């Protein structure tokens, strides 16, 4: 634990850096800390890996101030057929498609303070503000992510017209969370012919993740010995944590119950069958000192898009 005297020295040093015009060094120091926290706290970044891109990787548009990155989809193609000898196959004009990733800026509030009022603190108040605002930015990233997912999965228990397979991507299953219902939930995304779980044609390498909130996760602890096996059931009871994988699929738990409701589990295929997440401007801290007045805020410029609507499903256990 950091000593009070050490924090006092740290605060004084920070004030001297900003007062001396060394905004760059102060900003870099804080930026390293907060960037790591954002990656840890955002569940969206555990599902879609952020890809940092530069300005020259953006695609041109009619409006030069409108930022977009176009991504290629795997082209559709006609299936193989059996034909008689002496007959040539039918011609097929193949074509690829693309989907756009649009960018937007996310910011924290503008924090302002008289520099001399920082001298009396015996703890790093700026660090707390930065950490909290970083978590708020992570929540905003996750909000945009879930909004995109909910916009493409269709209505509950209704075939989704977007997947061109006449299958639902938002389903409900009665009877609560148990082993049998979990298996049925996995079938919702598996039927869409995207990789999910360990039963894959590429050597049984597991694919995809499942997301639920921590309250729903506690329902998994109710799975009894006859369903989970003796050792695992005992471990969940004594340690109070669900297994890191269920039926071969990685589990992600979140405290953001406003985004992922109780009794709901989201299922996501592997990234190459789902979408893209680009960061044009990674999480950055801007700090400015005018006379005895300090102000700072955090910002980032990101874009997320779903290229394959079949890559996500939602199941409500009712």
C-alpha atoms as a PDB file:
ATOM      1  CA  UNK A   1       0.000   0.000   0.000  1.00  0.00           C
ATOM      2  CA  UNK A   2       1.266   3.432  -0.884  1.00  0.00           C
ATOM      3  CA  UNK A   3       2.343   5.500   2.100  1.00  0.00           C
ATOM      4  CA  UNK A   4       0.639   8.838   2.801  1.00  0.00           C
ATOM      5  CA  UNK A   5       3.974  10.621   2.596  1.00  0.00           C
ATOM      6  CA  UNK A   6       4.657   9.053  -0.796  1.00  0.00           C
ATOM      7  CA  UNK A   7       1.276  10.186  -2.142  1.00  0.00           C
ATOM      8  CA  UNK A   8       1.937  13.716  -0.861  1.00  0.00           C
ATOM      9  CA  UNK A   9       5.269  13.771  -2.697  1.00  0.00           C
ATOM     10  CA  UNK A  10       3.586  12.405  -5.819  1.00  0.00           C
ATOM     11  CA  UNK A  11       0.951  15.161  -5.717  1.00  0.00           C
ATOM     12  CA  UNK A  12       3.601  17.841  -5.249  1.00  0.00           C
ATOM     13  CA  UNK A  13       5.655  16.421  -8.108  1.00  0.00           C
ATOM     14  CA  UNK A  14       2.646  16.350 -10.394  1.00  0.00           C
ATOM     15  CA  UNK A  15       1.843  19.979  -9.579  1.00  0.00           C
ATOM     16  CA  UNK A  16       5.435  20.950 -10.348  1.00  0.00           C
ATOM     17  CA  UNK A  17       5.296  19.112 -13.690  1.00  0.00           C
ATOM     18  CA  UNK A  18       2.130  20.890 -14.784  1.00  0.00           C
ATOM     19  CA  UNK A  19       3.206  24.258 -13.399  1.00  0.00           C
ATOM     20  CA  UNK A  20       6.518  23.917 -15.220  1.00  0.00           C
ATOM     21  CA  UNK A  21       4.779  23.391 -18.540  1.00  0.00           C
ATOM     22  CA  UNK A  22       5.431  19.632 -18.705  1.00  0.00           C
ATOM     23  CA  UNK A  23       1.892  18.703 -19.691  1.00  0.00           C
ATOM     24  CA  UNK A  24       3.124  15.984 -22.050  1.00  0.00           C
ATOM     25  CA  UNK A  25       4.962  14.009 -19.366  1.00  0.00           C
ATOM     26  CA  UNK A  26       2.074  14.292 -16.918  1.00  0.00           C
ATOM     27  CA  UNK A  27      -0.448  13.193 -19.530  1.00  0.00           C
ATOM     28  CA  UNK A  28       1.617  10.188 -20.628  1.00  0.00           C
ATOM     29  CA  UNK A  29       1.979   9.000 -17.034  1.00  0.00           C
ATOM     30  CA  UNK A  30      -1.768   9.064 -16.443  1.00  0.00           C
ATOM     31  CA  UNK A  31      -2.558   7.691 -19.894  1.00  0.00           C
ATOM     32  CA  UNK A  32      -0.626   4.483 -19.299  1.00  0.00           C
ATOM     33  CA  UNK A  33      -2.566   3.782 -16.101  1.00  0.00           C
ATOM     34  CA  UNK A  34      -6.014   4.479 -17.461  1.00  0.00           C
ATOM     35  CA  UNK A  35      -5.592   2.666 -20.751  1.00  0.00           C
ATOM     36  CA  UNK A  36      -4.969  -0.602 -18.921  1.00  0.00           C
ATOM     37  CA  UNK A  37      -8.031  -0.166 -16.739  1.00  0.00           C
ATOM     38  CA  UNK A  38     -10.276   0.383 -19.760  1.00  0.00           C
ATOM     39  CA  UNK A  39      -9.159  -2.873 -21.348  1.00  0.00           C
ATOM     40  CA  UNK A  40      -9.800  -4.697 -18.126  1.00  0.00           C
ATOM     41  CA  UNK A  41     -13.229  -3.266 -17.459  1.00  0.00           C
ATOM     42  CA  UNK A  42     -14.884  -3.281 -20.901  1.00  0.00           C
ATOM     43  CA  UNK A  43     -16.556  -6.577 -21.770  1.00  0.00           C
ATOM     44  CA  UNK A  44     -16.889  -5.448 -25.397  1.00  0.00           C
ATOM     45  CA  UNK A  45     -13.105  -5.430 -25.675  1.00  0.00           C
ATOM     46  CA  UNK A  46     -13.040  -9.044 -24.472  1.00  0.00           C
ATOM     47  CA  UNK A  47     -15.376 -10.021 -27.308  1.00  0.00           C
ATOM     48  CA  UNK A  48     -13.964  -7.856 -30.113  1.00  0.00           C
ATOM     49  CA  UNK A  49     -10.243  -7.121 -29.910  1.00  0.00           C
ATOM     50  CA  UNK A  50      -9.556  -3.390 -30.461  1.00  0.00           C
ATOM     51  CA  UNK A  51      -7.428  -2.685 -33.525  1.00  0.00           C
ATOM     52  CA  UNK A  52      -5.509   0.600 -33.529  1.00  0.00           C
ATOM     53  CA  UNK A  53      -5.452   2.261 -36.945  1.00  0.00           C
ATOM     54  CA  UNK A  54      -3.816   5.405 -38.323  1.00  0.00           C
ATOM     55  CA  UNK A  55      -5.274   8.237 -40.382  1.00  0.00           C
ATOM     56  CA  UNK A  56      -3.934   6.842 -43.658  1.00  0.00           C
ATOM     57  CA  UNK A  57      -5.889   3.625 -43.085  1.00  0.00           C
ATOM     58  CA  UNK A  58      -9.223   5.446 -43.230  1.00  0.00           C
ATOM     59  CA  UNK A  59     -11.193   5.247 -46.464  1.00  0.00           C
ATOM     60  CA  UNK A  60     -12.112   8.326 -48.443  1.00  0.00           C
ATOM     61  CA  UNK A  61     -15.675   9.633 -48.499  1.00  0.00           C
ATOM     62  CA  UNK A  62     -17.406  12.482 -50.278  1.00  0.00           C
ATOM     63  CA  UNK A  63     -17.218  14.469 -47.049  1.00  0.00           C
ATOM     64  CA  UNK A  64     -13.542  14.624 -45.996  1.00  0.00           C
ATOM     65  CA  UNK A  65     -14.568  15.240 -42.376  1.00  0.00           C
ATOM     66  CA  UNK A  66     -16.637  12.041 -42.212  1.00  0.00           C
ATOM     67  CA  UNK A  67     -14.484   9.137 -40.992  1.00  0.00           C
ATOM     68  CA  UNK A  68     -15.144   5.578 -42.115  1.00  0.00           C
ATOM     69  CA  UNK A  69     -13.281   2.300 -42.530  1.00  0.00           C
ATOM     70  CA  UNK A  70     -14.673  -0.239 -45.000  1.00  0.00           C
ATOM     71  CA  UNK A  71     -14.244  -3.954 -44.224  1.00  0.00           C
ATOM     72  CA  UNK A  72     -14.593  -6.858 -46.643  1.00  0.00           C
ATOM     73  CA  UNK A  73     -16.985  -9.753 -46.145  1.00  0.00           C
ATOM     74  CA  UNK A  74     -16.459 -13.287 -47.319  1.00  0.00           C
ATOM     75  CA  UNK A  75     -18.232 -13.524 -50.712  1.00  0.00           C
ATOM     76  CA  UNK A  76     -21.320 -15.678 -51.136  1.00  0.00           C
ATOM     77  CA  UNK A  77     -21.060 -18.483 -53.640  1.00  0.00           C
ATOM     78  CA  UNK A  78     -23.239 -21.144 -55.210  1.00  0.00           C
ATOM     79  CA  UNK A  79     -23.042 -24.656 -53.752  1.00  0.00           C
ATOM     80  CA  UNK A  80     -21.331 -27.569 -55.447  1.00  0.00           C
ATOM     81  CA  UNK A  81     -23.551 -29.834 -57.586  1.00  0.00           C
ATOM     82  CA  UNK A  82     -23.413 -33.190 -59.328  1.00  0.00           C
ATOM     83  CA  UNK A  83     -23.678 -33.094 -63.132  1.00  0.00           C
ATOM     84  CA  UNK A  84     -23.626 -35.746 -65.885  1.00  0.00           C
ATOM     85  CA  UNK A  85     -20.512 -36.450 -67.903  1.00  0.00           C
ATOM     86  CA  UNK A  86     -20.033 -34.174 -70.880  1.00  0.00           C
ATOM     87  CA  UNK A  87     -21.904 -31.262 -69.226  1.00  0.00           C
ATOM     88  CA  UNK A  88     -20.212 -28.065 -68.088  1.00  0.00           C
ATOM     89  CA  UNK A  89     -21.251 -26.399 -64.810  1.00  0.00           C
ATOM     90  CA  UNK A  90     -23.566 -23.424 -64.754  1.00  0.00           C
ATOM     91  CA  UNK A  91     -21.889 -20.015 -64.756  1.00  0.00           C
ATOM     92  CA  UNK A  92     -21.873 -18.017 -61.561  1.00  0.00           C
ATOM     93  CA  UNK A  93     -20.947 -14.334 -61.339  1.00  0.00           C
ATOM     94  CA  UNK A  94     -19.244 -13.967 -57.990  1.00  0.00           C
ATOM     95  CA  UNK A  95     -19.113 -10.717 -56.075  1.00  0.00           C
ATOM     96  CA  UNK A  96     -17.798  -9.559 -52.712  1.00  0.00           C
ATOM     97  CA  UNK A  97     -19.448  -7.084 -50.331  1.00  0.00           C
ATOM     98  CA  UNK A  98     -18.213  -4.619 -47.747  1.00  0.00           C
ATOM     99  CA  UNK A  99     -19.573  -3.047 -44.590  1.00  0.00           C
ATOM    100  CA  UNK A 100     -18.654   0.293 -43.008  1.00  0.00           C
ATOM    101  CA  UNK A 101     -17.246   1.099 -39.575  1.00  0.00           C
ATOM    102  CA  UNK A 102     -18.099   4.656 -38.538  1.00  0.00           C
ATOM    103  CA  UNK A 103     -16.198   6.531 -35.843  1.00  0.00           C
ATOM    104  CA  UNK A 104     -17.326   8.663 -32.928  1.00  0.00           C
ATOM    105  CA  UNK A 105     -15.595  10.385 -30.027  1.00  0.00           C
ATOM    106  CA  UNK A 106     -16.202   9.404 -26.418  1.00  0.00           C
ATOM    107  CA  UNK A 107     -15.182  11.780 -23.610  1.00  0.00           C
ATOM    108  CA  UNK A 108     -15.183  12.090 -19.861  1.00  0.00           C
ATOM    109  CA  UNK A 109     -16.329  15.288 -18.111  1.00  0.00           C
ATOM    110  CA  UNK A 110     -13.907  18.204 -17.985  1.00  0.00           C
ATOM    111  CA  UNK A 111     -12.410  18.094 -14.477  1.00  0.00           C
ATOM    112  CA  UNK A 112     -11.322  21.494 -13.109  1.00  0.00           C
ATOM    113  CA  UNK A 113      -9.451  22.484  -9.953  1.00  0.00           C
ATOM    114  CA  UNK A 114      -7.388  25.246  -8.383  1.00  0.00           C
ATOM    115  CA  UNK A 115      -3.883  23.745  -8.305  1.00  0.00           C
ATOM    116  CA  UNK A 116      -3.126  24.965  -4.789  1.00  0.00           C
ATOM    117  CA  UNK A 117      -6.147  23.088  -3.446  1.00  0.00           C
ATOM    118  CA  UNK A 118      -4.469  19.815  -4.429  1.00  0.00           C
ATOM    119  CA  UNK A 119      -1.607  20.322  -1.992  1.00  0.00           C
ATOM    120  CA  UNK A 120      -3.629  19.392   1.061  1.00  0.00           C
ATOM    121  CA  UNK A 121      -4.731  15.952  -0.145  1.00  0.00           C
ATOM    122  CA  UNK A 122      -2.968  12.952   1.369  1.00  0.00           C
ATOM    123  CA  UNK A 123      -4.236  10.639  -1.369  1.00  0.00           C
ATOM    124  CA  UNK A 124      -4.135  10.781  -5.153  1.00  0.00           C
ATOM    125  CA  UNK A 125      -7.510  12.360  -5.878  1.00  0.00           C
ATOM    126  CA  UNK A 126      -6.645  12.772  -9.549  1.00  0.00           C
ATOM    127  CA  UNK A 127      -5.970   9.085  -9.864  1.00  0.00           C
ATOM    128  CA  UNK A 128      -9.412   8.288  -8.487  1.00  0.00           C
ATOM    129  CA  UNK A 129     -11.061  10.681 -10.942  1.00  0.00           C
ATOM    130  CA  UNK A 130      -9.132   9.178 -13.829  1.00  0.00           C
ATOM    131  CA  UNK A 131      -9.929   5.632 -12.775  1.00  0.00           C
ATOM    132  CA  UNK A 132     -13.635   6.345 -12.345  1.00  0.00           C
ATOM    133  CA  UNK A 133     -13.924   8.251 -15.624  1.00  0.00           C
ATOM    134  CA  UNK A 134     -12.092   5.398 -17.359  1.00  0.00           C
ATOM    135  CA  UNK A 135     -14.726   2.964 -16.085  1.00  0.00           C
ATOM    136  CA  UNK A 136     -17.428   5.359 -17.259  1.00  0.00           C
ATOM    137  CA  UNK A 137     -15.869   5.402 -20.719  1.00  0.00           C
ATOM    138  CA  UNK A 138     -15.733   1.605 -20.648  1.00  0.00           C
ATOM    139  CA  UNK A 139     -19.441   1.567 -19.811  1.00  0.00           C
ATOM    140  CA  UNK A 140     -20.109   3.859 -22.776  1.00  0.00           C
ATOM    141  CA  UNK A 141     -18.146   1.524 -25.073  1.00  0.00           C
ATOM    142  CA  UNK A 142     -20.171  -1.424 -23.792  1.00  0.00           C
ATOM    143  CA  UNK A 143     -23.422   0.517 -24.222  1.00  0.00           C
ATOM    144  CA  UNK A 144     -22.671   1.210 -27.884  1.00  0.00           C
ATOM    145  CA  UNK A 145     -21.695  -2.435 -28.358  1.00  0.00           C
ATOM    146  CA  UNK A 146     -24.874  -3.888 -26.843  1.00  0.00           C
ATOM    147  CA  UNK A 147     -27.012  -1.379 -28.745  1.00  0.00           C
ATOM    148  CA  UNK A 148     -25.505  -2.619 -32.005  1.00  0.00           C
ATOM    149  CA  UNK A 149     -26.056  -6.248 -31.031  1.00  0.00           C
ATOM    150  CA  UNK A 150     -29.698  -5.648 -30.025  1.00  0.00           C
ATOM    151  CA  UNK A 151     -30.320  -3.806 -33.293  1.00  0.00           C
ATOM    152  CA  UNK A 152     -29.451  -6.839 -35.452  1.00  0.00           C
ATOM    153  CA  UNK A 153     -30.766  -9.867 -33.539  1.00  0.00           C
ATOM    154  CA  UNK A 154     -34.431  -9.155 -34.288  1.00  0.00           C
ATOM    155  CA  UNK A 155     -37.486  -9.743 -32.085  1.00  0.00           C
ATOM    156  CA  UNK A 156     -37.735 -12.393 -29.400  1.00  0.00           C
ATOM    157  CA  UNK A 157     -38.844 -15.835 -30.553  1.00  0.00           C
ATOM    158  CA  UNK A 158     -39.235 -14.517 -34.100  1.00  0.00           C
ATOM    159  CA  UNK A 159     -37.270 -15.487 -37.200  1.00  0.00           C
ATOM    160  CA  UNK A 160     -34.718 -12.783 -37.949  1.00  0.00           C
ATOM    161  CA  UNK A 161     -35.011 -11.621 -41.555  1.00  0.00           C
ATOM    162  CA  UNK A 162     -31.437 -10.318 -41.494  1.00  0.00           C
ATOM    163  CA  UNK A 163     -29.831 -13.767 -41.182  1.00  0.00           C
ATOM    164  CA  UNK A 164     -31.526 -15.144 -44.334  1.00  0.00           C
ATOM    165  CA  UNK A 165     -32.069 -18.491 -42.589  1.00  0.00           C
ATOM    166  CA  UNK A 166     -35.567 -18.005 -41.104  1.00  0.00           C
ATOM    167  CA  UNK A 167     -34.154 -18.630 -37.617  1.00  0.00           C
ATOM    168  CA  UNK A 168     -34.502 -16.569 -34.422  1.00  0.00           C
ATOM    169  CA  UNK A 169     -31.471 -14.956 -32.820  1.00  0.00           C
ATOM    170  CA  UNK A 170     -33.290 -13.808 -29.694  1.00  0.00           C
ATOM    171  CA  UNK A 171     -34.958 -16.742 -27.994  1.00  0.00           C
ATOM    172  CA  UNK A 172     -36.629 -17.490 -24.679  1.00  0.00           C
ATOM    173  CA  UNK A 173     -36.374 -20.745 -22.764  1.00  0.00           C
ATOM    174  CA  UNK A 174     -38.686 -21.579 -19.853  1.00  0.00           C
ATOM    175  CA  UNK A 175     -37.581 -23.350 -16.708  1.00  0.00           C
ATOM    176  CA  UNK A 176     -34.644 -21.173 -15.673  1.00  0.00           C
ATOM    177  CA  UNK A 177     -30.947 -21.946 -16.008  1.00  0.00           C
ATOM    178  CA  UNK A 178     -29.992 -25.609 -15.786  1.00  0.00           C
ATOM    179  CA  UNK A 179     -27.773 -27.926 -17.766  1.00  0.00           C
ATOM    180  CA  UNK A 180     -30.448 -29.002 -20.241  1.00  0.00           C
ATOM    181  CA  UNK A 181     -31.553 -25.412 -20.909  1.00  0.00           C
ATOM    182  CA  UNK A 182     -27.964 -24.267 -21.383  1.00  0.00           C
ATOM    183  CA  UNK A 183     -27.465 -26.923 -24.039  1.00  0.00           C
ATOM    184  CA  UNK A 184     -30.661 -25.777 -25.778  1.00  0.00           C
ATOM    185  CA  UNK A 185     -29.457 -22.164 -25.576  1.00  0.00           C
ATOM    186  CA  UNK A 186     -26.199 -23.094 -27.303  1.00  0.00           C
ATOM    187  CA  UNK A 187     -28.245 -24.560 -30.159  1.00  0.00           C
ATOM    188  CA  UNK A 188     -29.691 -21.118 -30.979  1.00  0.00           C
ATOM    189  CA  UNK A 189     -26.351 -19.832 -32.280  1.00  0.00           C
ATOM    190  CA  UNK A 190     -25.020 -23.198 -33.460  1.00  0.00           C
ATOM    191  CA  UNK A 191     -27.947 -23.564 -35.904  1.00  0.00           C
ATOM    192  CA  UNK A 192     -26.808 -20.352 -37.621  1.00  0.00           C
ATOM    193  CA  UNK A 193     -23.709 -22.105 -39.002  1.00  0.00           C
ATOM    194  CA  UNK A 194     -21.117 -19.973 -37.256  1.00  0.00           C
ATOM    195  CA  UNK A 195     -18.358 -21.441 -35.074  1.00  0.00           C
ATOM    196  CA  UNK A 196     -19.380 -21.809 -31.460  1.00  0.00           C
ATOM    197  CA  UNK A 197     -18.268 -24.263 -28.813  1.00  0.00           C
ATOM    198  CA  UNK A 198     -15.783 -27.131 -29.151  1.00  0.00           C
ATOM    199  CA  UNK A 199     -17.595 -29.207 -31.805  1.00  0.00           C
ATOM    200  CA  UNK A 200     -15.961 -27.598 -34.826  1.00  0.00           C
ATOM    201  CA  UNK A 201     -14.804 -29.122 -38.119  1.00  0.00           C
ATOM    202  CA  UNK A 202     -11.282 -27.729 -37.573  1.00  0.00           C
ATOM    203  CA  UNK A 203     -10.114 -30.201 -34.957  1.00  0.00           C
ATOM    204  CA  UNK A 204     -12.494 -29.436 -32.090  1.00  0.00           C
ATOM    205  CA  UNK A 205     -10.842 -26.083 -31.251  1.00  0.00           C
ATOM    206  CA  UNK A 206     -13.393 -24.199 -29.140  1.00  0.00           C
ATOM    207  CA  UNK A 207     -14.822 -20.935 -30.459  1.00  0.00           C
ATOM    208  CA  UNK A 208     -16.909 -18.049 -29.130  1.00  0.00           C
ATOM    209  CA  UNK A 209     -17.787 -16.623 -25.717  1.00  0.00           C
ATOM    210  CA  UNK A 210     -20.903 -16.202 -23.575  1.00  0.00           C
ATOM    211  CA  UNK A 211     -21.778 -13.040 -21.632  1.00  0.00           C
ATOM    212  CA  UNK A 212     -24.070 -12.587 -18.649  1.00  0.00           C
ATOM    213  CA  UNK A 213     -24.212 -10.379 -15.580  1.00  0.00           C
ATOM    214  CA  UNK A 214     -22.896 -11.481 -12.195  1.00  0.00           C
ATOM    215  CA  UNK A 215     -26.399 -12.001 -10.769  1.00  0.00           C
ATOM    216  CA  UNK A 216     -27.274 -14.383 -13.595  1.00  0.00           C
ATOM    217  CA  UNK A 217     -23.874 -15.998 -13.110  1.00  0.00           C
ATOM    218  CA  UNK A 218     -24.879 -16.943  -9.569  1.00  0.00           C
ATOM    219  CA  UNK A 219     -27.691 -19.027 -11.055  1.00  0.00           C
ATOM    220  CA  UNK A 220     -24.997 -21.274 -12.482  1.00  0.00           C
ATOM    221  CA  UNK A 221     -23.950 -22.089  -8.916  1.00  0.00           C
ATOM    222  CA  UNK A 222     -27.313 -23.810  -8.448  1.00  0.00           C
ATOM    223  CA  UNK A 223     -26.397 -26.520 -10.938  1.00  0.00           C
ATOM    224  CA  UNK A 224     -26.425 -29.658  -8.811  1.00  0.00           C
ATOM    225  CA  UNK A 225     -23.990 -32.501  -8.403  1.00  0.00           C
ATOM    226  CA  UNK A 226     -25.924 -34.734 -10.778  1.00  0.00           C
ATOM    227  CA  UNK A 227     -25.671 -32.049 -13.510  1.00  0.00           C
ATOM    228  CA  UNK A 228     -22.126 -30.723 -13.073  1.00  0.00           C
ATOM    229  CA  UNK A 229     -20.299 -33.688 -11.567  1.00  0.00           C
ATOM    230  CA  UNK A 230     -19.142 -34.178  -7.994  1.00  0.00           C
ATOM    231  CA  UNK A 231     -15.797 -32.314  -7.924  1.00  0.00           C
ATOM    232  CA  UNK A 232     -17.011 -29.335  -9.962  1.00  0.00           C
ATOM    233  CA  UNK A 233     -20.216 -29.001  -7.957  1.00  0.00           C
ATOM    234  CA  UNK A 234     -18.226 -29.029  -4.712  1.00  0.00           C
ATOM    235  CA  UNK A 235     -15.738 -26.481  -6.055  1.00  0.00           C
ATOM    236  CA  UNK A 236     -18.500 -24.074  -7.111  1.00  0.00           C
ATOM    237  CA  UNK A 237     -20.117 -24.391  -3.682  1.00  0.00           C
ATOM    238  CA  UNK A 238     -16.919 -23.856  -1.694  1.00  0.00           C
ATOM    239  CA  UNK A 239     -15.356 -21.146  -3.914  1.00  0.00           C
ATOM    240  CA  UNK A 240     -18.581 -19.428  -4.992  1.00  0.00           C
ATOM    241  CA  UNK A 241     -17.478 -18.920  -8.607  1.00  0.00           C
ATOM    242  CA  UNK A 242     -18.854 -20.519 -11.780  1.00  0.00           C
ATOM    243  CA  UNK A 243     -16.370 -22.390 -13.993  1.00  0.00           C
ATOM    244  CA  UNK A 244     -14.320 -20.304 -16.460  1.00  0.00           C
ATOM    245  CA  UNK A 245     -15.775 -22.375 -19.292  1.00  0.00           C
ATOM    246  CA  UNK A 246     -19.209 -23.957 -19.646  1.00  0.00           C
ATOM    247  CA  UNK A 247     -19.725 -26.703 -22.218  1.00  0.00           C
ATOM    248  CA  UNK A 248     -16.347 -25.699 -23.628  1.00  0.00           C
ATOM    249  CA  UNK A 249     -17.213 -21.987 -24.040  1.00  0.00           C
ATOM    250  CA  UNK A 250     -15.470 -19.134 -22.206  1.00  0.00           C
ATOM    251  CA  UNK A 251     -17.652 -17.191 -19.762  1.00  0.00           C
ATOM    252  CA  UNK A 252     -17.594 -13.400 -19.287  1.00  0.00           C
ATOM    253  CA  UNK A 253     -19.374 -11.858 -16.317  1.00  0.00           C
ATOM    254  CA  UNK A 254     -20.265  -8.189 -15.944  1.00  0.00           C
ATOM    255  CA  UNK A 255     -21.743  -5.986 -13.230  1.00  0.00           C
ATOM    256  CA  UNK A 256     -23.532  -3.880 -15.881  1.00  0.00           C
ATOM    257  CA  UNK A 257     -27.023  -5.246 -15.301  1.00  0.00           C
ATOM    258  CA  UNK A 258     -28.548  -2.262 -17.073  1.00  0.00           C
ATOM    259  CA  UNK A 259     -26.926  -3.492 -20.297  1.00  0.00           C
ATOM    260  CA  UNK A 260     -27.131  -7.261 -19.763  1.00  0.00           C
ATOM    261  CA  UNK A 261     -30.397  -7.991 -17.877  1.00  0.00           C
ATOM    262  CA  UNK A 262     -30.899 -10.644 -15.230  1.00  0.00           C
ATOM    263  CA  UNK A 263     -31.739 -14.056 -16.669  1.00  0.00           C
ATOM    264  CA  UNK A 264     -30.156 -13.216 -20.033  1.00  0.00           C
ATOM    265  CA  UNK A 265     -27.092 -14.698 -21.712  1.00  0.00           C
ATOM    266  CA  UNK A 266     -25.548 -13.354 -24.910  1.00  0.00           C
ATOM    267  CA  UNK A 267     -23.618 -15.725 -27.167  1.00  0.00           C
ATOM    268  CA  UNK A 268     -20.941 -14.544 -29.598  1.00  0.00           C
ATOM    269  CA  UNK A 269     -19.093 -16.430 -32.295  1.00  0.00           C
ATOM    270  CA  UNK A 270     -15.380 -15.917 -32.953  1.00  0.00           C
ATOM    271  CA  UNK A 271     -14.321 -12.458 -34.124  1.00  0.00           C
ATOM    272  CA  UNK A 272     -13.733 -13.356 -37.773  1.00  0.00           C
ATOM    273  CA  UNK A 273     -17.400 -14.393 -37.973  1.00  0.00           C
ATOM    274  CA  UNK A 274     -18.736 -11.347 -36.134  1.00  0.00           C
ATOM    275  CA  UNK A 275     -17.350  -7.840 -36.692  1.00  0.00           C
ATOM    276  CA  UNK A 276     -14.640  -5.218 -36.171  1.00  0.00           C
ATOM    277  CA  UNK A 277     -13.626  -2.751 -33.478  1.00  0.00           C
ATOM    278  CA  UNK A 278     -11.196   0.006 -34.498  1.00  0.00           C
ATOM    279  CA  UNK A 279      -9.552   2.708 -32.404  1.00  0.00           C
ATOM    280  CA  UNK A 280      -8.601   5.799 -34.367  1.00  0.00           C
ATOM    281  CA  UNK A 281      -7.633   7.589 -31.139  1.00  0.00           C
ATOM    282  CA  UNK A 282      -6.818   5.371 -28.140  1.00  0.00           C
ATOM    283  CA  UNK A 283      -7.723   6.482 -24.634  1.00  0.00           C
ATOM    284  CA  UNK A 284      -5.851   9.745 -24.050  1.00  0.00           C
ATOM    285  CA  UNK A 285      -5.612  12.215 -21.181  1.00  0.00           C
ATOM    286  CA  UNK A 286      -5.465  15.930 -21.950  1.00  0.00           C
ATOM    287  CA  UNK A 287      -4.223  18.237 -19.197  1.00  0.00           C
ATOM    288  CA  UNK A 288      -3.869  21.992 -19.269  1.00  0.00           C
ATOM    289  CA  UNK A 289      -2.617  24.511 -16.735  1.00  0.00           C
ATOM    290  CA  UNK A 290      -3.439  28.211 -16.871  1.00  0.00           C
ATOM    291  CA  UNK A 291      -1.855  30.179 -14.036  1.00  0.00           C
ATOM    292  CA  UNK A 292      -3.137  28.384 -10.904  1.00  0.00           C
ATOM    293  CA  UNK A 293      -6.007  26.595 -12.663  1.00  0.00           C
ATOM    294  CA  UNK A 294      -5.795  22.920 -13.733  1.00  0.00           C
ATOM    295  CA  UNK A 295      -8.209  21.103 -16.005  1.00  0.00           C
ATOM    296  CA  UNK A 296      -8.095  17.665 -17.582  1.00  0.00           C
ATOM    297  CA  UNK A 297     -10.297  15.132 -19.341  1.00  0.00           C
ATOM    298  CA  UNK A 298     -10.054  11.816 -21.192  1.00  0.00           C
ATOM    299  CA  UNK A 299     -11.192  11.016 -24.697  1.00  0.00           C
ATOM    300  CA  UNK A 300     -11.044   8.376 -27.402  1.00  0.00           C
ATOM    301  CA  UNK A 301     -12.253   7.955 -30.995  1.00  0.00           C
ATOM    302  CA  UNK A 302     -13.540   4.490 -31.846  1.00  0.00           C
ATOM    303  CA  UNK A 303     -15.691   2.618 -34.346  1.00  0.00           C
ATOM    304  CA  UNK A 304     -17.507  -0.721 -34.040  1.00  0.00           C
ATOM    305  CA  UNK A 305     -19.577  -2.572 -36.611  1.00  0.00           C
ATOM    306  CA  UNK A 306     -21.141  -6.002 -37.034  1.00  0.00           C
ATOM    307  CA  UNK A 307     -20.294  -7.562 -40.371  1.00  0.00           C
ATOM    308  CA  UNK A 308     -22.069 -10.890 -39.830  1.00  0.00           C
ATOM    309  CA  UNK A 309     -25.417 -10.626 -38.024  1.00  0.00           C
ATOM    310  CA  UNK A 310     -25.375 -14.359 -37.300  1.00  0.00           C
ATOM    311  CA  UNK A 311     -22.376 -13.879 -35.030  1.00  0.00           C
ATOM    312  CA  UNK A 312     -24.479 -12.895 -31.991  1.00  0.00           C
ATOM    313  CA  UNK A 313     -27.507 -14.336 -30.199  1.00  0.00           C
ATOM    314  CA  UNK A 314     -29.461 -13.634 -27.047  1.00  0.00           C
ATOM    315  CA  UNK A 315     -31.342 -16.114 -24.850  1.00  0.00           C
ATOM    316  CA  UNK A 316     -33.700 -15.138 -22.018  1.00  0.00           C
ATOM    317  CA  UNK A 317     -34.271 -17.786 -19.362  1.00  0.00           C
ATOM    318  CA  UNK A 318     -37.818 -17.253 -18.103  1.00  0.00           C
END
